[in-house]
C-alpha atoms as a PDB file:
ATOM      1  CA  MET A   1      -7.202  47.201  47.075  1.00  0.00           C
ATOM      2  CA  PRO A   2      -6.700  47.990  43.415  1.00  0.00           C
ATOM      3  CA  ARG A   3      -4.838  45.317  41.476  1.00  0.00           C
ATOM      4  CA  SER A   4      -1.488  46.215  40.085  1.00  0.00           C
ATOM      5  CA  SER A   5       0.360  44.208  37.477  1.00  0.00           C
ATOM      6  CA  GLY A   6       2.431  42.504  40.138  1.00  0.00           C
ATOM      7  CA  ALA A   7      -0.116  41.946  42.936  1.00  0.00           C
ATOM      8  CA  ARG A   8      -2.770  39.335  43.623  1.00  0.00           C
ATOM      9  CA  LEU A   9      -6.045  39.788  45.420  1.00  0.00           C
ATOM     10  CA  ASP A  10      -4.517  38.354  48.589  1.00  0.00           C
ATOM     11  CA  GLY A  11      -1.728  40.958  48.406  1.00  0.00           C
ATOM     12  CA  SER A  12       1.051  38.543  47.510  1.00  0.00           C
ATOM     13  CA  ALA A  13       3.335  39.297  44.629  1.00  0.00           C
ATOM     14  CA  ARG A  14       2.686  37.639  41.289  1.00  0.00           C
ATOM     15  CA  ARG A  15       5.449  35.326  40.151  1.00  0.00           C
ATOM     16  CA  GLY A  16       4.471  34.532  36.567  1.00  0.00           C
ATOM     17  CA  PRO A  17       6.556  35.265  33.496  1.00  0.00           C
ATOM     18  CA  ALA A  18       5.174  38.817  33.212  1.00  0.00           C
ATOM     19  CA  ALA A  19       6.510  39.586  36.689  1.00  0.00           C
ATOM     20  CA  GLY A  20       9.853  38.038  35.880  1.00  0.00           C
ATOM     21  CA  GLY A  21       9.089  34.914  37.920  1.00  0.00           C
ATOM     22  CA  VAL A  22       8.449  31.336  36.968  1.00  0.00           C
ATOM     23  CA  PHE A  23       5.214  29.419  36.720  1.00  0.00           C
ATOM     24  CA  PRO A  24       4.282  27.524  39.834  1.00  0.00           C
ATOM     25  CA  ARG A  25       5.421  23.905  39.606  1.00  0.00           C
ATOM     26  CA  ARG A  26       1.852  22.673  39.380  1.00  0.00           C
ATOM     27  CA  LEU A  27       1.118  24.759  36.271  1.00  0.00           C
ATOM     28  CA  HIS A  28       4.486  23.917  34.745  1.00  0.00           C
ATOM     29  CA  ASP A  29       3.870  20.178  35.216  1.00  0.00           C
ATOM     30  CA  ALA A  30       0.328  20.455  33.844  1.00  0.00           C
ATOM     31  CA  GLY A  31       1.666  22.223  30.753  1.00  0.00           C
ATOM     32  CA  ARG A  32       4.354  19.610  30.313  1.00  0.00           C
ATOM     33  CA  ASP A  33       1.800  16.818  30.745  1.00  0.00           C
ATOM     34  CA  ARG A  34      -0.420  18.410  28.097  1.00  0.00           C
ATOM     35  CA  ALA A  35       2.536  18.832  25.739  1.00  0.00           C
ATOM     36  CA  ASP A  36       3.493  15.188  26.330  1.00  0.00           C
ATOM     37  CA  ARG A  37      -0.072  14.092  25.528  1.00  0.00           C
ATOM     38  CA  ILE A  38      -0.051  16.157  22.332  1.00  0.00           C
ATOM     39  CA  LEU A  39       3.287  14.682  21.289  1.00  0.00           C
ATOM     40  CA  GLU A  40       2.064  11.192  22.147  1.00  0.00           C
ATOM     41  CA  GLN A  41      -1.056  11.695  20.027  1.00  0.00           C
ATOM     42  CA  ALA A  42       1.046  13.084  17.189  1.00  0.00           C
ATOM     43  CA  GLY A  43       3.344  10.075  17.523  1.00  0.00           C
ATOM     44  CA  SER A  44       0.345   7.743  17.407  1.00  0.00           C
ATOM     45  CA  LEU A  45      -0.974   9.545  14.350  1.00  0.00           C
ATOM     46  CA  TRP A  46       2.450   9.287  12.725  1.00  0.00           C
ATOM     47  CA  ALA A  47       2.498   5.565  13.507  1.00  0.00           C
ATOM     48  CA  VAL A  48      -0.889   5.228  11.782  1.00  0.00           C
ATOM     49  CA  VAL A  49       0.401   7.159   8.762  1.00  0.00           C
ATOM     50  CA  GLN A  50       3.497   4.958   8.629  1.00  0.00           C
ATOM     51  CA  GLY A  51       1.317   1.852   8.994  1.00  0.00           C
ATOM     52  CA  ILE A  52      -0.904   2.959   6.116  1.00  0.00           C
ATOM     53  CA  SER A  53       2.200   3.643   4.053  1.00  0.00           C
ATOM     54  CA  ARG A  54       3.512   0.130   4.780  1.00  0.00           C
ATOM     55  CA  ILE A  55       0.135  -1.420   3.968  1.00  0.00           C
ATOM     56  CA  ASN A  56       0.026   0.482   0.691  1.00  0.00           C
ATOM     57  CA  GLY A  57       3.543  -0.749  -0.082  1.00  0.00           C
ATOM     58  CA  VAL A  58       2.500  -4.353   0.588  1.00  0.00           C
ATOM     59  CA  LYS A  59      -0.628  -3.857  -1.492  1.00  0.00           C
ATOM     60  CA  GLU A  60       1.395  -2.476  -4.405  1.00  0.00           C
ATOM     61  CA  PHE A  61       4.012  -5.251  -4.155  1.00  0.00           C
ATOM     62  CA  PHE A  62       1.456  -8.073  -4.296  1.00  0.00           C
ATOM     63  CA  THR A  63      -0.641  -6.347  -6.952  1.00  0.00           C
ATOM     64  CA  GLN A  64       2.454  -6.335  -9.165  1.00  0.00           C
ATOM     65  CA  LYS A  65       3.165  -9.995  -8.339  1.00  0.00           C
ATOM     66  CA  ILE A  66      -0.338 -11.249  -9.190  1.00  0.00           C
ATOM     67  CA  GLN A  67      -0.373  -9.201 -12.402  1.00  0.00           C
ATOM     68  CA  ALA A  68       3.023 -10.522 -13.465  1.00  0.00           C
ATOM     69  CA  PHE A  69       2.630 -14.204 -12.486  1.00  0.00           C
ATOM     70  CA  GLY A  70      -1.115 -14.791 -12.105  1.00  0.00           C
ATOM     71  CA  ALA A  71      -2.661 -17.201  -9.627  1.00  0.00           C
ATOM     72  CA  THR A  72       0.548 -19.175  -9.101  1.00  0.00           C
ATOM     73  CA  PRO A  73       2.980 -19.507  -6.193  1.00  0.00           C
ATOM     74  CA  LYS A  74       5.128 -16.757  -7.739  1.00  0.00           C
ATOM     75  CA  GLY A  75       2.022 -14.565  -7.799  1.00  0.00           C
ATOM     76  CA  VAL A  76       2.171 -14.558  -3.985  1.00  0.00           C
ATOM     77  CA  ASP A  77       5.991 -14.429  -3.823  1.00  0.00           C
ATOM     78  CA  TYR A  78       6.680 -18.158  -3.307  1.00  0.00           C
ATOM     79  CA  GLN A  79       9.263 -19.981  -5.371  1.00  0.00           C
ATOM     80  CA  SER A  80       7.283 -23.187  -5.910  1.00  0.00           C
ATOM     81  CA  GLN A  81       4.110 -25.120  -5.215  1.00  0.00           C
ATOM     82  CA  LYS A  82       6.175 -27.508  -3.096  1.00  0.00           C
ATOM     83  CA  ALA A  83       7.346 -24.655  -0.822  1.00  0.00           C
ATOM     84  CA  MET A  84       3.738 -23.524  -0.348  1.00  0.00           C
ATOM     85  CA  ASP A  85       2.522 -27.039   0.398  1.00  0.00           C
ATOM     86  CA  ILE A  86       5.239 -27.488   3.041  1.00  0.00           C
ATOM     87  CA  ARG A  87       4.144 -24.231   4.660  1.00  0.00           C
ATOM     88  CA  PHE A  88       0.487 -25.285   4.646  1.00  0.00           C
ATOM     89  CA  GLU A  89       1.327 -28.707   6.045  1.00  0.00           C
ATOM     90  CA  GLN A  90       3.189 -27.107   8.956  1.00  0.00           C
ATOM     91  CA  LEU A  91       0.465 -24.544   9.533  1.00  0.00           C
ATOM     92  CA  LEU A  92      -2.252 -27.188   9.742  1.00  0.00           C
ATOM     93  CA  LYS A  93      -0.422 -29.254  12.355  1.00  0.00           C
ATOM     94  CA  VAL A  94      -2.174 -27.177  15.025  1.00  0.00           C
ATOM     95  CA  VAL A  95      -5.673 -28.293  13.993  1.00  0.00           C
ATOM     96  CA  ASP A  96      -7.462 -31.599  14.145  1.00  0.00           C
ATOM     97  CA  SER A  97      -7.970 -32.090  10.419  1.00  0.00           C
ATOM     98  CA  PHE A  98     -10.420 -34.972  10.978  1.00  0.00           C
ATOM     99  CA  ALA A  99     -12.976 -32.799  12.736  1.00  0.00           C
ATOM    100  CA  PRO A 100     -14.665 -29.931  10.862  1.00  0.00           C
ATOM    101  CA  PHE A 101     -13.295 -26.487  11.746  1.00  0.00           C
ATOM    102  CA  SER A 102     -13.377 -22.960  10.375  1.00  0.00           C
ATOM    103  CA  LEU A 103     -10.349 -21.002   9.266  1.00  0.00           C
ATOM    104  CA  LEU A 104      -9.852 -17.267   8.733  1.00  0.00           C
ATOM    105  CA  ASP A 105      -7.029 -16.743   6.244  1.00  0.00           C
ATOM    106  CA  TYR A 106      -5.839 -13.129   6.405  1.00  0.00           C
ATOM    107  CA  GLY A 107      -3.692 -12.427   3.382  1.00  0.00           C
ATOM    108  CA  CYS A 108      -5.265 -15.311   1.467  1.00  0.00           C
ATOM    109  CA  GLY A 109      -3.954 -14.208  -1.920  1.00  0.00           C
ATOM    110  CA  TYR A 110      -5.627 -16.140  -4.715  1.00  0.00           C
ATOM    111  CA  GLY A 111      -6.735 -18.900  -2.316  1.00  0.00           C
ATOM    112  CA  ALA A 112      -3.800 -21.317  -2.371  1.00  0.00           C
ATOM    113  CA  LEU A 113      -4.548 -22.528   1.177  1.00  0.00           C
ATOM    114  CA  ALA A 114      -8.198 -23.142   0.264  1.00  0.00           C
ATOM    115  CA  ASP A 115      -6.987 -25.182  -2.700  1.00  0.00           C
ATOM    116  CA  TYR A 116      -4.625 -27.173  -0.446  1.00  0.00           C
ATOM    117  CA  LEU A 117      -7.467 -27.920   1.989  1.00  0.00           C
ATOM    118  CA  LEU A 118      -9.656 -29.178  -0.862  1.00  0.00           C
ATOM    119  CA  ARG A 119      -6.846 -31.286  -2.384  1.00  0.00           C
ATOM    120  CA  GLN A 120      -6.151 -32.875   1.019  1.00  0.00           C
ATOM    121  CA  ASP A 121      -9.887 -33.432   1.584  1.00  0.00           C
ATOM    122  CA  ILE A 122      -9.720 -31.581   4.909  1.00  0.00           C
ATOM    123  CA  PRO A 123     -13.218 -30.552   6.081  1.00  0.00           C
ATOM    124  CA  CYS A 124     -13.165 -26.833   6.740  1.00  0.00           C
ATOM    125  CA  ILE A 125     -15.269 -23.717   6.465  1.00  0.00           C
ATOM    126  CA  TYR A 126     -12.757 -21.340   4.857  1.00  0.00           C
ATOM    127  CA  TYR A 127     -12.898 -17.528   4.902  1.00  0.00           C
ATOM    128  CA  GLY A 128     -10.217 -15.739   2.907  1.00  0.00           C
ATOM    129  CA  TYR A 129      -9.451 -12.030   3.332  1.00  0.00           C
ATOM    130  CA  ASP A 130      -6.975  -9.918   1.391  1.00  0.00           C
ATOM    131  CA  ILE A 131      -6.202  -6.216   0.858  1.00  0.00           C
ATOM    132  CA  VAL A 132      -5.290  -6.769  -2.806  1.00  0.00           C
ATOM    133  CA  GLU A 133      -8.462  -6.570  -4.875  1.00  0.00           C
ATOM    134  CA  GLU A 134      -6.891  -8.440  -7.801  1.00  0.00           C
ATOM    135  CA  MET A 135      -6.146 -11.391  -5.489  1.00  0.00           C
ATOM    136  CA  LEU A 136      -9.763 -11.541  -4.324  1.00  0.00           C
ATOM    137  CA  ILE A 137     -11.072 -11.338  -7.891  1.00  0.00           C
ATOM    138  CA  ARG A 138      -8.954 -14.346  -8.857  1.00  0.00           C
ATOM    139  CA  ALA A 139      -9.849 -16.279  -5.696  1.00  0.00           C
ATOM    140  CA  LYS A 140     -13.577 -15.715  -6.180  1.00  0.00           C
ATOM    141  CA  ALA A 141     -13.317 -16.827  -9.799  1.00  0.00           C
ATOM    142  CA  ASN A 142     -11.248 -19.938  -8.920  1.00  0.00           C
ATOM    143  CA  PHE A 143     -13.543 -21.061  -6.101  1.00  0.00           C
ATOM    144  CA  HIS A 144     -16.931 -19.997  -7.441  1.00  0.00           C
ATOM    145  CA  GLY A 145     -19.476 -22.572  -6.328  1.00  0.00           C
ATOM    146  CA  LYS A 146     -17.093 -24.447  -4.026  1.00  0.00           C
ATOM    147  CA  PRO A 147     -18.884 -25.313  -0.791  1.00  0.00           C
ATOM    148  CA  GLN A 148     -17.910 -23.580   2.441  1.00  0.00           C
ATOM    149  CA  THR A 149     -15.266 -21.421   0.756  1.00  0.00           C
ATOM    150  CA  PHE A 150     -15.742 -17.657   0.977  1.00  0.00           C
ATOM    151  CA  PHE A 151     -13.591 -14.676   0.007  1.00  0.00           C
ATOM    152  CA  VAL A 152     -14.074 -11.155   1.327  1.00  0.00           C
END
């Protein structure tokens, strides 16, 4: 049987858009699922772009702070050394400061927490990480040669 534009091999009429019909539900759902996946991926990509934009904003903000105020509490957007020390005191309540421990400080700035640990004579292997290169330069300079204190 020769195929016409509206017939299938089994002789039934075609019901796609070209024949004025609608896609079978299964194909319609598959297309919708694919479109949803594409939109979800685009949304995820947009979230990544927005995240990078926020990170760059944070990076710019703290770069300006450290350049304006140096390695001081105001250089990391704190009002005073006392305010920072209170924060560090509260933060360290969750560790046994008499037993050696290691600490990963994400967003370490110029190393104020490392300084606090040394001033309090708290035994710790300290690793400081920051996205602001200027902060890390200052931290590495301030803690050069200090034992068990590393900045990345």
